[in-house]
């Protein structure tokens, strides 16, 4: 069953899609909350929709939410910061705990790209996240942006001229650049003690795979990195995307059921 739900945070409406397995009324299901990437939305390029349907068919509910300034949610992308996204994601998780379909003891997170960075920090700082799966986490972002570049383009001159950086048609604010550059991705993620699966392609030219391996230096033996040969950042082939989804399903079947 699919239904739509509006979350509220900081005066903004965050629109979401909820997938709930078929079963008796009042059933409490394990739930996975999805956090999309930079300039993306709750459909997400490696198909959050397909993953949610797969989870639903296997007895796991899910919530796919558009963070503010993305998709159908309120807000302007120019006002987005990673600090704000972390707060929004935590607010959504808290609201999911109060829903009529969620088993509060069996909550998981999936994060894609920059959403993976956000999910890792949320899992560490929001109590009760039982399992965490990161897809191609963009842990490279602070060092890349801190060095003055985004996707290979220099930031400063354009920011000075326009007051923003044009990232594929989205206005990146100075506040967002500063927020990402100062983000301690690994240090803030390390406190999560539940199981973590990081799935990353070795042909990812957006978020190099070596940054995924660095998570292992900060977690306390509770994380694993699955490297998929030939896969790019977008998981852009049927075999690669199928493996991504099947690995994610197997992880949550083991950890949430």
Protein backbone atom coordinates (compact mmCIF):
# COMPACT_ATOMS: atom_id res chain seq x y z
CA UNK A 1 0.00 0.00 0.00
CA UNK A 2 1.23 3.48 -0.85
CA UNK A 3 0.07 6.59 0.92
CA UNK A 4 1.29 10.15 1.09
CA UNK A 5 2.20 12.03 4.23
CA UNK A 6 3.25 15.58 5.07
CA UNK A 7 5.88 16.10 7.74
CA UNK A 8 6.48 19.53 9.24
CA UNK A 9 9.74 21.08 10.37
CA UNK A 10 10.76 24.68 10.91
CA UNK A 11 7.52 25.99 9.42
CA UNK A 12 8.02 24.02 6.21
CA UNK A 13 6.07 21.07 4.83
CA UNK A 14 8.18 18.06 3.83
CA UNK A 15 6.24 15.81 1.49
CA UNK A 16 6.74 12.07 1.52
CA UNK A 17 5.63 8.73 0.14
CA UNK A 18 5.02 5.84 2.54
CA UNK A 19 5.04 2.16 1.53
CA UNK A 20 3.34 -0.27 3.92
CA UNK A 21 3.22 -4.05 3.40
CA UNK A 22 -0.13 -5.84 3.22
CA UNK A 23 -1.17 -7.32 6.54
CA UNK A 24 -3.64 -7.19 9.40
CA UNK A 25 -4.76 -3.77 10.62
CA UNK A 26 -2.60 -2.54 13.47
CA UNK A 27 0.52 -4.45 12.39
CA UNK A 28 3.75 -2.74 13.39
CA UNK A 29 6.34 -3.11 10.64
CA UNK A 30 10.07 -2.54 10.48
CA UNK A 31 10.61 0.77 8.68
CA UNK A 32 13.39 2.19 6.51
CA UNK A 33 13.64 5.96 6.04
CA UNK A 34 15.29 7.11 2.79
CA UNK A 35 17.43 10.26 2.56
CA UNK A 36 18.12 11.50 -0.97
CA UNK A 37 21.20 13.22 -2.30
CA UNK A 38 22.28 16.74 -3.27
CA UNK A 39 19.71 18.41 -5.63
CA UNK A 40 17.76 15.13 -5.86
CA UNK A 41 14.40 14.05 -4.42
CA UNK A 42 12.50 11.09 -2.99
CA UNK A 43 12.55 9.23 -6.33
CA UNK A 44 16.38 9.32 -6.45
CA UNK A 45 18.43 8.20 -9.43
CA UNK A 46 19.27 4.65 -8.22
CA UNK A 47 15.50 4.26 -7.69
CA UNK A 48 14.31 4.73 -4.15
CA UNK A 49 10.92 3.78 -5.61
CA UNK A 50 12.10 0.37 -6.77
CA UNK A 51 13.86 -0.24 -3.45
CA UNK A 52 10.76 0.72 -1.46
CA UNK A 53 8.62 -1.64 -3.52
CA UNK A 54 11.12 -4.44 -2.95
CA UNK A 55 11.12 -3.82 0.79
CA UNK A 56 7.32 -3.67 0.88
CA UNK A 57 7.07 -7.02 -0.91
CA UNK A 58 9.31 -8.47 1.79
CA UNK A 59 7.49 -7.15 4.85
CA UNK A 60 9.41 -3.91 5.46
CA UNK A 61 7.73 -0.49 5.34
CA UNK A 62 9.51 2.62 4.13
CA UNK A 63 9.29 6.40 4.05
CA UNK A 64 10.73 8.44 1.17
CA UNK A 65 10.84 12.16 1.95
CA UNK A 66 11.76 15.27 -0.02
CA UNK A 67 13.98 17.45 2.16
CA UNK A 68 13.28 21.18 2.04
CA UNK A 69 14.19 22.92 -1.21
CA UNK A 70 13.95 19.59 -3.06
CA UNK A 71 11.21 17.80 -4.96
CA UNK A 72 7.71 18.74 -3.82
CA UNK A 73 8.65 20.01 -0.37
CA UNK A 74 8.55 23.64 0.70
CA UNK A 75 11.59 25.88 0.71
CA UNK A 76 14.18 27.19 -1.72
CA UNK A 77 17.39 25.28 -2.50
CA UNK A 78 19.37 28.49 -1.83
CA UNK A 79 18.41 28.13 1.85
CA UNK A 80 19.58 24.51 2.11
CA UNK A 81 22.42 23.58 4.47
CA UNK A 82 23.65 20.16 5.56
CA UNK A 83 23.05 21.18 9.16
CA UNK A 84 19.45 21.88 8.21
CA UNK A 85 19.10 18.57 6.36
CA UNK A 86 20.38 16.66 9.38
CA UNK A 87 17.81 18.41 11.57
CA UNK A 88 15.01 17.71 9.08
CA UNK A 89 15.93 14.05 8.78
CA UNK A 90 16.02 13.65 12.57
CA UNK A 91 12.60 15.32 12.79
CA UNK A 92 11.21 12.88 10.20
CA UNK A 93 12.62 9.88 12.08
CA UNK A 94 11.00 11.10 15.32
CA UNK A 95 7.66 11.53 13.56
CA UNK A 96 7.89 8.07 11.98
CA UNK A 97 8.30 6.61 15.48
CA UNK A 98 4.86 7.95 16.37
CA UNK A 99 3.14 6.52 13.28
CA UNK A 100 0.55 3.77 13.47
CA UNK A 101 2.51 1.30 11.31
CA UNK A 102 6.06 1.54 12.68
CA UNK A 103 7.84 -0.83 15.02
CA UNK A 104 9.98 1.70 16.89
CA UNK A 105 12.56 -0.95 17.75
CA UNK A 106 13.21 -1.77 14.09
CA UNK A 107 14.12 1.45 12.29
CA UNK A 108 16.69 1.68 9.50
CA UNK A 109 18.13 4.40 7.28
CA UNK A 110 19.23 4.46 3.65
CA UNK A 111 21.17 7.46 2.37
CA UNK A 112 22.35 8.12 -1.19
CA UNK A 113 25.42 10.25 -1.99
CA UNK A 114 25.23 13.42 0.15
CA UNK A 115 22.15 11.82 1.70
CA UNK A 116 24.50 9.05 2.79
CA UNK A 117 26.61 11.60 4.65
CA UNK A 118 23.45 12.97 6.28
CA UNK A 119 22.17 9.47 7.13
CA UNK A 120 25.46 8.49 8.75
CA UNK A 121 25.36 11.50 11.04
CA UNK A 122 21.65 11.09 11.82
CA UNK A 123 22.20 7.44 12.78
CA UNK A 124 24.90 8.53 15.23
CA UNK A 125 23.04 11.47 16.73
CA UNK A 126 19.40 10.28 16.72
CA UNK A 127 18.84 7.43 19.21
CA UNK A 128 17.22 4.19 18.14
CA UNK A 129 18.46 3.70 14.57
CA UNK A 130 19.00 -0.04 14.39
CA UNK A 131 20.66 -0.40 10.96
CA UNK A 132 22.24 1.93 8.41
CA UNK A 133 22.87 1.41 4.69
CA UNK A 134 24.84 4.00 2.71
CA UNK A 135 24.77 4.12 -1.08
CA UNK A 136 27.81 5.83 -2.63
CA UNK A 137 28.23 8.24 0.31
CA UNK A 138 29.73 11.57 -0.76
CA UNK A 139 32.20 11.77 2.10
CA UNK A 140 34.61 13.49 -0.30
CA UNK A 141 32.49 16.67 -0.24
CA UNK A 142 34.17 18.54 2.65
CA UNK A 143 37.68 18.11 1.24
CA UNK A 144 36.54 18.87 -2.32
CA UNK A 145 34.55 21.97 -1.42
CA UNK A 146 37.10 22.98 1.22
CA UNK A 147 39.70 23.11 -1.55
CA UNK A 148 37.47 25.49 -3.52
CA UNK A 149 35.94 23.14 -6.08
CA UNK A 150 32.62 21.46 -6.77
CA UNK A 151 32.41 18.81 -9.51
CA UNK A 152 35.75 20.05 -10.85
CA UNK A 153 34.74 23.72 -11.10
CA UNK A 154 36.19 26.54 -9.02
CA UNK A 155 33.62 28.01 -6.66
CA UNK A 156 34.98 31.36 -5.43
CA UNK A 157 34.93 33.50 -8.59
CA UNK A 158 31.37 32.53 -9.53
CA UNK A 159 30.20 33.00 -5.95
CA UNK A 160 31.71 36.49 -5.86
CA UNK A 161 30.18 37.46 -9.19
CA UNK A 162 26.67 36.04 -8.71
CA UNK A 163 26.26 35.53 -4.97
CA UNK A 164 25.76 31.82 -5.57
CA UNK A 165 27.35 28.85 -7.32
CA UNK A 166 25.35 27.32 -10.17
CA UNK A 167 25.25 23.53 -9.59
CA UNK A 168 23.30 22.05 -12.49
CA UNK A 169 20.66 24.76 -12.26
CA UNK A 170 20.54 24.98 -8.46
CA UNK A 171 21.79 28.04 -6.56
CA UNK A 172 24.32 26.88 -3.98
CA UNK A 173 24.64 29.50 -1.26
CA UNK A 174 27.80 30.63 0.53
CA UNK A 175 26.25 29.22 3.72
CA UNK A 176 25.95 25.75 2.17
CA UNK A 177 29.54 25.85 0.92
CA UNK A 178 30.80 26.87 4.36
CA UNK A 179 28.63 24.24 6.06
CA UNK A 180 29.90 21.39 3.90
CA UNK A 181 33.54 22.52 4.04
CA UNK A 182 33.47 22.42 7.85
CA UNK A 183 31.62 19.10 8.18
CA UNK A 184 33.34 16.34 10.18
CA UNK A 185 31.75 13.46 8.25
CA UNK A 186 33.56 10.57 9.88
CA UNK A 187 33.83 11.95 13.40
CA UNK A 188 30.13 12.74 13.62
CA UNK A 189 29.15 9.35 12.18
CA UNK A 190 31.34 7.23 14.44
CA UNK A 191 29.02 7.06 17.45
CA UNK A 192 26.51 4.80 15.67
CA UNK A 193 27.03 1.30 17.08
CA UNK A 194 24.49 -0.62 14.99
CA UNK A 195 25.34 -2.51 11.81
CA UNK A 196 26.39 -0.46 8.78
CA UNK A 197 26.61 -1.58 5.16
CA UNK A 198 28.27 0.80 2.70
CA UNK A 199 27.73 -0.10 -0.97
CA UNK A 200 29.96 1.70 -3.45
CA UNK A 201 30.99 1.32 -7.08
CA UNK A 202 34.66 1.28 -7.98
CA UNK A 203 33.97 3.45 -11.07
CA UNK A 204 32.35 6.25 -9.07
CA UNK A 205 33.88 9.50 -10.36
CA UNK A 206 31.73 11.72 -8.12
CA UNK A 207 32.54 10.14 -4.75
CA UNK A 208 35.73 8.06 -5.02
CA UNK A 209 35.49 4.68 -3.34
CA UNK A 210 38.48 5.29 -1.07
CA UNK A 211 36.36 7.74 0.92
CA UNK A 212 33.91 4.91 1.66
CA UNK A 213 36.72 2.77 3.06
CA UNK A 214 37.69 5.58 5.46
CA UNK A 215 34.46 5.04 7.38
CA UNK A 216 35.93 1.74 8.60
CA UNK A 217 38.67 3.62 10.45
CA UNK A 218 36.04 5.36 12.57
CA UNK A 219 33.39 2.71 13.21
CA UNK A 220 34.13 0.12 15.88
CA UNK A 221 34.04 -3.04 13.78
CA UNK A 222 30.30 -2.70 13.05
CA UNK A 223 30.65 -1.57 9.42
CA UNK A 224 31.37 -3.25 6.11
CA UNK A 225 32.10 -1.87 2.65
CA UNK A 226 30.79 -3.75 -0.38
CA UNK A 227 32.62 -2.61 -3.51
CA UNK A 228 30.80 -3.35 -6.76
CA UNK A 229 33.11 -3.66 -9.78
CA UNK A 230 32.21 -1.38 -12.67
CA UNK A 231 29.42 0.49 -10.89
CA UNK A 232 29.29 4.28 -11.22
CA UNK A 233 27.79 6.87 -8.87
CA UNK A 234 24.31 6.59 -10.38
CA UNK A 235 24.24 2.77 -10.47
CA UNK A 236 23.47 3.23 -14.14
CA UNK A 237 23.10 -0.34 -15.40
CA UNK A 238 20.46 -2.96 -14.71
CA UNK A 239 22.93 -5.49 -13.19
CA UNK A 240 24.55 -2.88 -10.93
CA UNK A 241 21.26 -1.45 -9.72
CA UNK A 242 19.84 -4.94 -9.16
CA UNK A 243 22.85 -5.85 -7.03
CA UNK A 244 22.52 -2.60 -5.06
CA UNK A 245 18.87 -3.31 -4.29
CA UNK A 246 19.36 -7.00 -3.51
CA UNK A 247 22.26 -6.28 -1.18
CA UNK A 248 20.24 -3.61 0.61
CA UNK A 249 17.24 -5.93 0.96
CA UNK A 250 19.36 -8.74 2.36
CA UNK A 251 20.97 -6.38 4.85
CA UNK A 252 17.66 -5.12 6.23
CA UNK A 253 16.06 -8.56 6.22
CA UNK A 254 18.88 -9.70 8.46
CA UNK A 255 19.07 -6.65 10.70
CA UNK A 256 15.45 -5.52 11.05
CA UNK A 257 13.53 -8.81 11.09
